PDB file of N, CA and C in Angstrom:
ATOM      1  N   MET A   1     112.175 -49.099 119.142  1.00  0.00           N
ATOM      2  CA  MET A   1     112.967 -47.893 119.332  1.00  0.00           C
ATOM      3  C   MET A   1     112.261 -46.693 118.720  1.00  0.00           C
ATOM      4  N   THR A   2     111.766 -46.860 117.498  1.00  0.00           N
ATOM      5  CA  THR A   2     111.086 -45.753 116.828  1.00  0.00           C
ATOM      6  C   THR A   2     109.819 -45.357 117.567  1.00  0.00           C
ATOM      7  N   ARG A   3     109.127 -46.361 118.080  1.00  0.00           N
ATOM      8  CA  ARG A   3     107.885 -46.066 118.803  1.00  0.00           C
ATOM      9  C   ARG A   3     108.151 -45.248 120.054  1.00  0.00           C
ATOM     10  N   SER A   4     109.175 -45.606 120.803  1.00  0.00           N
ATOM     11  CA  SER A   4     109.448 -44.889 122.049  1.00  0.00           C
ATOM     12  C   SER A   4     109.908 -43.455 121.786  1.00  0.00           C
ATOM     13  N   VAL A   5     110.678 -43.262 120.721  1.00  0.00           N
ATOM     14  CA  VAL A   5     111.116 -41.908 120.374  1.00  0.00           C
ATOM     15  C   VAL A   5     109.926 -41.059 119.951  1.00  0.00           C
ATOM     16  N   LEU A   6     109.008 -41.662 119.183  1.00  0.00           N
ATOM     17  CA  LEU A   6     107.809 -40.941 118.750  1.00  0.00           C
ATOM     18  C   LEU A   6     106.942 -40.553 119.946  1.00  0.00           C
ATOM     19  N   LEU A   7     106.779 -41.467 120.879  1.00  0.00           N
ATOM     20  CA  LEU A   7     105.996 -41.158 122.071  1.00  0.00           C
ATOM     21  C   LEU A   7     106.659 -40.065 122.899  1.00  0.00           C
ATOM     22  N   ALA A   8     107.968 -40.154 123.091  1.00  0.00           N
ATOM     23  CA  ALA A   8     108.680 -39.143 123.878  1.00  0.00           C
ATOM     24  C   ALA A   8     108.600 -37.765 123.217  1.00  0.00           C
ATOM     25  N   ALA A   9     108.745 -37.723 121.891  1.00  0.00           N
ATOM     26  CA  ALA A   9     108.650 -36.436 121.183  1.00  0.00           C
ATOM     27  C   ALA A   9     107.243 -35.862 121.290  1.00  0.00           C
ATOM     28  N   GLY A  10     106.235 -36.705 121.216  1.00  0.00           N
ATOM     29  CA  GLY A  10     104.852 -36.237 121.335  1.00  0.00           C
ATOM     30  C   GLY A  10     104.542 -35.689 122.709  1.00  0.00           C
ATOM     31  N   VAL A  11     104.984 -36.392 123.738  1.00  0.00           N
ATOM     32  CA  VAL A  11     104.753 -35.916 125.104  1.00  0.00           C
ATOM     33  C   VAL A  11     105.521 -34.619 125.352  1.00  0.00           C
ATOM     34  N   PHE A  12     106.763 -34.549 124.869  1.00  0.00           N
ATOM     35  CA  PHE A  12     107.563 -33.329 125.030  1.00  0.00           C
ATOM     36  C   PHE A  12     106.895 -32.138 124.346  1.00  0.00           C
ATOM     37  N   ALA A  13     106.393 -32.340 123.119  1.00  0.00           N
ATOM     38  CA  ALA A  13     105.736 -31.249 122.393  1.00  0.00           C
ATOM     39  C   ALA A  13     104.473 -30.787 123.121  1.00  0.00           C
ATOM     40  N   CYS A  14     103.706 -31.726 123.659  1.00  0.00           N
ATOM     41  CA  CYS A  14     102.501 -31.347 124.404  1.00  0.00           C
ATOM     42  C   CYS A  14     102.841 -30.563 125.667  1.00  0.00           C
ATOM     43  N   VAL A  15     103.852 -30.994 126.386  1.00  0.00           N
ATOM     44  CA  VAL A  15     104.232 -30.310 127.634  1.00  0.00           C
ATOM     45  C   VAL A  15     104.750 -28.905 127.343  1.00  0.00           C
ATOM     46  N   VAL A  16     105.592 -28.765 126.333  1.00  0.00           N
ATOM     47  CA  VAL A  16     106.118 -27.433 125.988  1.00  0.00           C
ATOM     48  C   VAL A  16     104.981 -26.531 125.503  1.00  0.00           C
ATOM     49  N   GLY A  17     104.044 -27.084 124.726  1.00  0.00           N
ATOM     50  CA  GLY A  17     102.899 -26.297 124.277  1.00  0.00           C
ATOM     51  C   GLY A  17     102.034 -25.827 125.439  1.00  0.00           C
ATOM     52  N   LEU A  18     101.799 -26.701 126.410  1.00  0.00           N
ATOM     53  CA  LEU A  18     101.022 -26.299 127.581  1.00  0.00           C
ATOM     54  C   LEU A  18     101.755 -25.244 128.404  1.00  0.00           C
ATOM     55  N   GLU A  19     103.070 -25.389 128.511  1.00  0.00           N
ATOM     56  CA  GLU A  19     103.843 -24.368 129.235  1.00  0.00           C
ATOM     57  C   GLU A  19     103.753 -23.020 128.534  1.00  0.00           C
ATOM     58  N   MET A  20     103.794 -23.029 127.196  1.00  0.00           N
ATOM     59  CA  MET A  20     103.689 -21.767 126.454  1.00  0.00           C
ATOM     60  C   MET A  20     102.321 -21.118 126.628  1.00  0.00           C
ATOM     61  N   LEU A  21     101.286 -21.935 126.841  1.00  0.00           N
ATOM     62  CA  LEU A  21      99.965 -21.369 127.098  1.00  0.00           C
ATOM     63  C   LEU A  21      99.910 -20.673 128.453  1.00  0.00           C
ATOM     64  N   LEU A  22     100.617 -21.221 129.431  1.00  0.00           N
ATOM     65  CA  LEU A  22     100.546 -20.690 130.787  1.00  0.00           C
ATOM     66  C   LEU A  22     101.502 -19.528 131.039  1.00  0.00           C
ATOM     67  N   VAL A  23     102.640 -19.496 130.344  1.00  0.00           N
ATOM     68  CA  VAL A  23     103.654 -18.460 130.575  1.00  0.00           C
ATOM     69  C   VAL A  23     103.657 -17.494 129.386  1.00  0.00           C
ATOM     70  N   ASP A  24     103.541 -16.208 129.665  1.00  0.00           N
ATOM     71  CA  ASP A  24     103.497 -15.213 128.590  1.00  0.00           C
ATOM     72  C   ASP A  24     104.877 -14.937 128.001  1.00  0.00           C
ATOM     73  N   SER A  25     105.871 -14.802 128.859  1.00  0.00           N
ATOM     74  CA  SER A  25     107.222 -14.532 128.378  1.00  0.00           C
ATOM     75  C   SER A  25     108.231 -15.061 129.383  1.00  0.00           C
ATOM     76  N   ALA A  26     109.448 -15.248 128.900  1.00  0.00           N
ATOM     77  CA  ALA A  26     110.527 -15.739 129.755  1.00  0.00           C
ATOM     78  C   ALA A  26     111.740 -14.835 129.565  1.00  0.00           C
ATOM     79  N   VAL A  27     112.466 -14.599 130.655  1.00  0.00           N
ATOM     80  CA  VAL A  27     113.668 -13.785 130.615  1.00  0.00           C
ATOM     81  C   VAL A  27     114.867 -14.734 130.595  1.00  0.00           C
ATOM     82  N   LEU A  28     115.685 -14.638 129.550  1.00  0.00           N
ATOM     83  CA  LEU A  28     116.862 -15.484 129.398  1.00  0.00           C
ATOM     84  C   LEU A  28     118.094 -14.705 129.858  1.00  0.00           C
ATOM     85  N   LEU A  29     118.763 -15.236 130.876  1.00  0.00           N
ATOM     86  CA  LEU A  29     119.951 -14.585 131.420  1.00  0.00           C
ATOM     87  C   LEU A  29     121.202 -15.275 130.892  1.00  0.00           C
ATOM     88  N   PRO A  30     122.269 -14.536 130.634  1.00  0.00           N
ATOM     89  CA  PRO A  30     123.517 -15.169 130.201  1.00  0.00           C
ATOM     90  C   PRO A  30     124.111 -16.034 131.314  1.00  0.00           C
ATOM     91  N   ILE A  31     124.809 -17.088 130.921  1.00  0.00           N
ATOM     92  CA  ILE A  31     125.379 -18.016 131.898  1.00  0.00           C
ATOM     93  C   ILE A  31     126.452 -17.339 132.746  1.00  0.00           C
ATOM     94  N   ASP A  32     127.302 -16.551 132.117  1.00  0.00           N
ATOM     95  CA  ASP A  32     128.401 -15.922 132.856  1.00  0.00           C
ATOM     96  C   ASP A  32     127.951 -14.687 133.639  1.00  0.00           C
ATOM     97  N   GLY A  33     126.719 -14.248 133.466  1.00  0.00           N
ATOM     98  CA  GLY A  33     126.207 -13.096 134.203  1.00  0.00           C
ATOM     99  C   GLY A  33     126.544 -11.768 133.573  1.00  0.00           C
ATOM    100  N   LYS A  34     127.291 -11.782 132.470  1.00  0.00           N
ATOM    101  CA  LYS A  34     127.648 -10.532 131.793  1.00  0.00           C
ATOM    102  C   LYS A  34     126.769 -10.391 130.556  1.00  0.00           C
ATOM    103  N   GLY A  35     126.414  -9.200 130.268  1.00  0.00           N
ATOM    104  CA  GLY A  35     125.601  -8.942 129.088  1.00  0.00           C
ATOM    105  C   GLY A  35     124.137  -8.741 129.454  1.00  0.00           C
ATOM    106  N   PRO A  36     123.370  -8.278 128.495  1.00  0.00           N
ATOM    107  CA  PRO A  36     121.968  -7.972 128.780  1.00  0.00           C
ATOM    108  C   PRO A  36     121.098  -9.239 128.794  1.00  0.00           C
ATOM    109  N   ALA A  37     120.026  -9.170 129.535  1.00  0.00           N
ATOM    110  CA  ALA A  37     119.048 -10.255 129.558  1.00  0.00           C
ATOM    111  C   ALA A  37     118.144 -10.127 128.339  1.00  0.00           C
ATOM    112  N   LYS A  38     117.735 -11.255 127.786  1.00  0.00           N
ATOM    113  CA  LYS A  38     116.860 -11.251 126.613  1.00  0.00           C
ATOM    114  C   LYS A  38     115.493 -11.798 127.013  1.00  0.00           C
ATOM    115  N   THR A  39     114.452 -11.203 126.469  1.00  0.00           N
ATOM    116  CA  THR A  39     113.096 -11.645 126.751  1.00  0.00           C
ATOM    117  C   THR A  39     112.578 -12.456 125.580  1.00  0.00           C
ATOM    118  N   PHE A  40     112.071 -13.658 125.872  1.00  0.00           N
ATOM    119  CA  PHE A  40     111.497 -14.533 124.847  1.00  0.00           C
ATOM    120  C   PHE A  40     109.988 -14.555 125.011  1.00  0.00           C
ATOM    121  N   SER A  41     109.291 -14.295 123.930  1.00  0.00           N
ATOM    122  CA  SER A  41     107.838 -14.350 123.912  1.00  0.00           C
ATOM    123  C   SER A  41     107.410 -15.147 122.687  1.00  0.00           C
ATOM    124  N   ALA A  42     106.661 -16.208 122.903  1.00  0.00           N
ATOM    125  CA  ALA A  42     106.248 -17.087 121.802  1.00  0.00           C
ATOM    126  C   ALA A  42     105.115 -16.449 121.008  1.00  0.00           C
ATOM    127  N   PRO A  43     105.063 -16.710 119.691  1.00  0.00           N
ATOM    128  CA  PRO A  43     103.927 -16.224 118.904  1.00  0.00           C
ATOM    129  C   PRO A  43     102.633 -16.921 119.340  1.00  0.00           C
ATOM    130  N   ASP A  44     101.508 -16.342 118.989  1.00  0.00           N
ATOM    131  CA  ASP A  44     100.216 -16.861 119.432  1.00  0.00           C
ATOM    132  C   ASP A  44      99.922 -18.262 118.895  1.00  0.00           C
ATOM    133  N   TRP A  45     100.441 -18.597 117.732  1.00  0.00           N
ATOM    134  CA  TRP A  45     100.133 -19.887 117.117  1.00  0.00           C
ATOM    135  C   TRP A  45     101.012 -21.020 117.643  1.00  0.00           C
ATOM    136  N   ALA A  46     102.112 -20.743 118.290  1.00  0.00           N
ATOM    137  CA  ALA A  46     103.070 -21.769 118.694  1.00  0.00           C
ATOM    138  C   ALA A  46     102.523 -22.777 119.720  1.00  0.00           C
ATOM    139  N   PRO A  47     101.837 -22.350 120.781  1.00  0.00           N
ATOM    140  CA  PRO A  47     101.365 -23.352 121.754  1.00  0.00           C
ATOM    141  C   PRO A  47     100.379 -24.344 121.154  1.00  0.00           C
ATOM    142  N   TRP A  48      99.445 -23.831 120.362  1.00  0.00           N
ATOM    143  CA  TRP A  48      98.428 -24.714 119.791  1.00  0.00           C
ATOM    144  C   TRP A  48      99.030 -25.644 118.746  1.00  0.00           C
ATOM    145  N   THR A  49     100.023 -25.171 118.028  1.00  0.00           N
ATOM    146  CA  THR A  49     100.689 -26.028 117.046  1.00  0.00           C
ATOM    147  C   THR A  49     101.445 -27.151 117.738  1.00  0.00           C
ATOM    148  N   LEU A  50     102.177 -26.830 118.798  1.00  0.00           N
ATOM    149  CA  LEU A  50     102.913 -27.857 119.525  1.00  0.00           C
ATOM    150  C   LEU A  50     101.980 -28.876 120.179  1.00  0.00           C
ATOM    151  N   ILE A  51     100.883 -28.418 120.743  1.00  0.00           N
ATOM    152  CA  ILE A  51      99.941 -29.340 121.368  1.00  0.00           C
ATOM    153  C   ILE A  51      99.320 -30.267 120.326  1.00  0.00           C
ATOM    154  N   SER A  52      98.939 -29.722 119.178  1.00  0.00           N
ATOM    155  CA  SER A  52      98.305 -30.562 118.163  1.00  0.00           C
ATOM    156  C   SER A  52      99.296 -31.532 117.525  1.00  0.00           C
ATOM    157  N   VAL A  53     100.522 -31.098 117.250  1.00  0.00           N
ATOM    158  CA  VAL A  53     101.533 -32.000 116.692  1.00  0.00           C
ATOM    159  C   VAL A  53     101.880 -33.094 117.710  1.00  0.00           C
ATOM    160  N   GLY A  54     101.974 -32.737 118.973  1.00  0.00           N
ATOM    161  CA  GLY A  54     102.240 -33.728 120.004  1.00  0.00           C
ATOM    162  C   GLY A  54     101.111 -34.736 120.147  1.00  0.00           C
ATOM    163  N   ALA A  55      99.866 -34.259 120.079  1.00  0.00           N
ATOM    164  CA  ALA A  55      98.724 -35.167 120.188  1.00  0.00           C
ATOM    165  C   ALA A  55      98.667 -36.129 119.009  1.00  0.00           C
ATOM    166  N   VAL A  56      98.939 -35.634 117.810  1.00  0.00           N
ATOM    167  CA  VAL A  56      98.945 -36.506 116.633  1.00  0.00           C
ATOM    168  C   VAL A  56     100.072 -37.526 116.739  1.00  0.00           C
ATOM    169  N   SER A  57     101.210 -37.128 117.240  1.00  0.00           N
ATOM    170  CA  SER A  57     102.330 -38.063 117.412  1.00  0.00           C
ATOM    171  C   SER A  57     101.987 -39.155 118.427  1.00  0.00           C
ATOM    172  N   ILE A  58     101.343 -38.773 119.506  1.00  0.00           N
ATOM    173  CA  ILE A  58     100.953 -39.750 120.519  1.00  0.00           C
ATOM    174  C   ILE A  58      99.910 -40.720 119.948  1.00  0.00           C
ATOM    175  N   LEU A  59      98.948 -40.200 119.198  1.00  0.00           N
ATOM    176  CA  LEU A  59      97.944 -41.068 118.582  1.00  0.00           C
ATOM    177  C   LEU A  59      98.572 -41.987 117.544  1.00  0.00           C
ATOM    178  N   HIS A  60      99.527 -41.482 116.797  1.00  0.00           N
ATOM    179  CA  HIS A  60     100.208 -42.301 115.798  1.00  0.00           C
ATOM    180  C   HIS A  60     101.039 -43.391 116.465  1.00  0.00           C
ATOM    181  N   PHE A  61     101.553 -43.128 117.643  1.00  0.00           N
ATOM    182  CA  PHE A  61     102.315 -44.105 118.406  1.00  0.00           C
ATOM    183  C   PHE A  61     101.480 -45.369 118.648  1.00  0.00           C
ATOM    184  N   GLY A  62     100.200 -45.190 118.921  1.00  0.00           N
ATOM    185  CA  GLY A  62      99.329 -46.335 119.169  1.00  0.00           C
ATOM    186  C   GLY A  62      99.013 -47.137 117.929  1.00  0.00           C
ATOM    187  N   ASN A  63      99.195 -46.564 116.746  1.00  0.00           N
ATOM    188  CA  ASN A  63      98.846 -47.252 115.512  1.00  0.00           C
ATOM    189  C   ASN A  63     100.027 -47.928 114.832  1.00  0.00           C
ATOM    190  N   ILE A  64     101.249 -47.666 115.285  1.00  0.00           N
ATOM    191  CA  ILE A  64     102.416 -48.295 114.667  1.00  0.00           C
ATOM    192  C   ILE A  64     102.471 -49.744 115.122  1.00  0.00           C
ATOM    193  N   LYS A  65     102.588 -50.640 114.158  1.00  0.00           N
ATOM    194  CA  LYS A  65     102.677 -52.055 114.508  1.00  0.00           C
ATOM    195  C   LYS A  65     104.105 -52.376 114.909  1.00  0.00           C
ATOM    196  N   GLY A  66     104.237 -53.035 116.006  1.00  0.00           N
ATOM    197  CA  GLY A  66     105.550 -53.428 116.491  1.00  0.00           C
ATOM    198  C   GLY A  66     105.516 -54.868 116.947  1.00  0.00           C
ATOM    199  N   PHE A  67     106.576 -55.284 117.540  1.00  0.00           N
ATOM    200  CA  PHE A  67     106.640 -56.646 118.045  1.00  0.00           C
ATOM    201  C   PHE A  67     105.860 -56.731 119.342  1.00  0.00           C
ATOM    202  N   SER A  68     105.072 -57.763 119.471  1.00  0.00           N
ATOM    203  CA  SER A  68     104.383 -57.986 120.731  1.00  0.00           C
ATOM    204  C   SER A  68     105.312 -58.755 121.663  1.00  0.00           C
ATOM    205  N   ALA A  69     104.926 -58.896 122.888  1.00  0.00           N
ATOM    206  CA  ALA A  69     105.800 -59.531 123.870  1.00  0.00           C
ATOM    207  C   ALA A  69     106.036 -61.003 123.562  1.00  0.00           C
ATOM    208  N   GLY A  70     105.080 -61.678 122.930  1.00  0.00           N
ATOM    209  CA  GLY A  70     105.228 -63.096 122.679  1.00  0.00           C
ATOM    210  C   GLY A  70     105.683 -63.435 121.271  1.00  0.00           C
ATOM    211  N   SER A  71     106.035 -62.453 120.468  1.00  0.00           N
ATOM    212  CA  SER A  71     106.414 -62.740 119.087  1.00  0.00           C
ATOM    213  C   SER A  71     107.868 -63.183 119.018  1.00  0.00           C
ATOM    214  N   SER A  72     108.157 -63.948 117.999  1.00  0.00           N
ATOM    215  CA  SER A  72     109.534 -64.385 117.795  1.00  0.00           C
ATOM    216  C   SER A  72     109.944 -64.040 116.365  1.00  0.00           C
ATOM    217  N   ALA A  73     111.220 -64.201 116.064  1.00  0.00           N
ATOM    218  CA  ALA A  73     111.732 -63.855 114.738  1.00  0.00           C
ATOM    219  C   ALA A  73     111.149 -64.763 113.663  1.00  0.00           C
ATOM    220  N   ALA A  74     110.721 -65.975 114.017  1.00  0.00           N
ATOM    221  CA  ALA A  74     110.183 -66.909 113.038  1.00  0.00           C
ATOM    222  C   ALA A  74     108.821 -66.471 112.526  1.00  0.00           C
ATOM    223  N   HIS A  75     108.094 -65.669 113.292  1.00  0.00           N
ATOM    224  CA  HIS A  75     106.752 -65.270 112.903  1.00  0.00           C
ATOM    225  C   HIS A  75     106.711 -63.891 112.258  1.00  0.00           C
ATOM    226  N   VAL A  76     107.827 -63.225 112.163  1.00  0.00           N
ATOM    227  CA  VAL A  76     107.847 -61.875 111.598  1.00  0.00           C
ATOM    228  C   VAL A  76     107.566 -61.952 110.109  1.00  0.00           C
ATOM    229  N   GLY A  77     106.616 -61.171 109.651  1.00  0.00           N
ATOM    230  CA  GLY A  77     106.297 -61.125 108.223  1.00  0.00           C
ATOM    231  C   GLY A  77     105.218 -62.107 107.815  1.00  0.00           C
ATOM    232  N   ARG A  78     104.822 -63.010 108.684  1.00  0.00           N
ATOM    233  CA  ARG A  78     103.753 -63.955 108.358  1.00  0.00           C
ATOM    234  C   ARG A  78     102.425 -63.385 108.792  1.00  0.00           C
ATOM    235  N   HIS A  79     101.449 -63.533 107.932  1.00  0.00           N
ATOM    236  CA  HIS A  79     100.095 -63.084 108.243  1.00  0.00           C
ATOM    237  C   HIS A  79      99.194 -64.307 108.277  1.00  0.00           C
ATOM    238  N   TYR A  80      98.606 -64.574 109.393  1.00  0.00           N
ATOM    239  CA  TYR A  80      97.751 -65.754 109.528  1.00  0.00           C
ATOM    240  C   TYR A  80      96.303 -65.373 109.359  1.00  0.00           C
TER     241      TYR A  80
END
């Protein structure tokens, strides 16, 4: 469970970081249509930070030891 959440968070961070690199600003409109529209512009450091944190999370996902497909509860904790 922890591994899959870590992988999903890493992929999400990388995708959002790449989107921030490609899009300069976004206009946020209110749901009800009343009120002014707000413009969101990410700081220059945000895309690279998200991409690097996502990449580290994805790499860490590969290093977490988990149960293999053929393992059973009797072998957990034993080192051969």
